[in-house]
Amino acid sequence: MYEIIKRVFDILFGCFLMMVVIVTYPFVAIGIKLSSPGPVMYVSTRIGKGGKPLKFYKYRSMHIDNGRYTGMSEEQKRVFTIGKIIRRTKIDEFPQAINVLKGDLSVVGPRPMLTTNVSKMYGGRYEPVLTVAPGLTSYASLFDYTHGDALVGNREVYLKTIVPVKRELELYYVEHKGLWTDIKLIFKTAGIIIAVVFGKKEFDYPKEYYIVKKRLQELEENVM
């Protein structure tokens, strides 16, 4: 029953989001075109449920890579002004309404990984993450949004402090997925985005953070 309700909601939300895309597309497209030559849309290949590849749609927020940018901090220099705005407000994710309607994505679920990162992120005990449909939002993506964005320019710190927590949060969602969990995540996502739009920059760690940090510490102790 949960899966049926989830899919029905995905379709309804996908239709709503697609209408938003249709209405706002001309304005977003003009902003992108005036900021940076190149296509309005950015399409990449991600890995979905069961390891199946999918075409992943976003509004382009970065200059086309011409070989001048290398490394994590350099990558951030590619983000143009309008790109920063649509990233921070999550408008760049709106085209994923296409993915939701196609059934590639759900509204709530682990974020789909690039093909080059899947084996590194979701091997071993994290393989269950690939058994569910990826989504627009999750515990991990919200944690990255509120605490990871500030560290993307520091690759070493980001990989050490953010990535392990994100990976464990994705697994935590899979272990606790359900209708109530999804509802809470949807409202939490909306609340955080609204807070960011109105200027909030610092957020408390969510309770799930402390749960998975404890799990990670226990895993580390068992290895030692």
Foldseek 3Di string as FASTA:
>chain_A
DQVVVQLVVLQVVLVVLVVVCVVCVVVQQVVVVVFEDDDQKDWAWFAWAPRHIDIAIFGDQFYDDPPPADDQLSRVVRGTDSSVVCVLLVVRRSVCSVVSNVVQATAEAAATGHPVCCCVLQPDPNVLSNNDGHHPDFLLVVCCSQPVVVCSNPVVCSVVPRRQLSSLRRVVCSVVPGDVRVVVRVVVVVVVSVCVVVPDRHDDDDPSSVVSVVVVVVVVVVVD
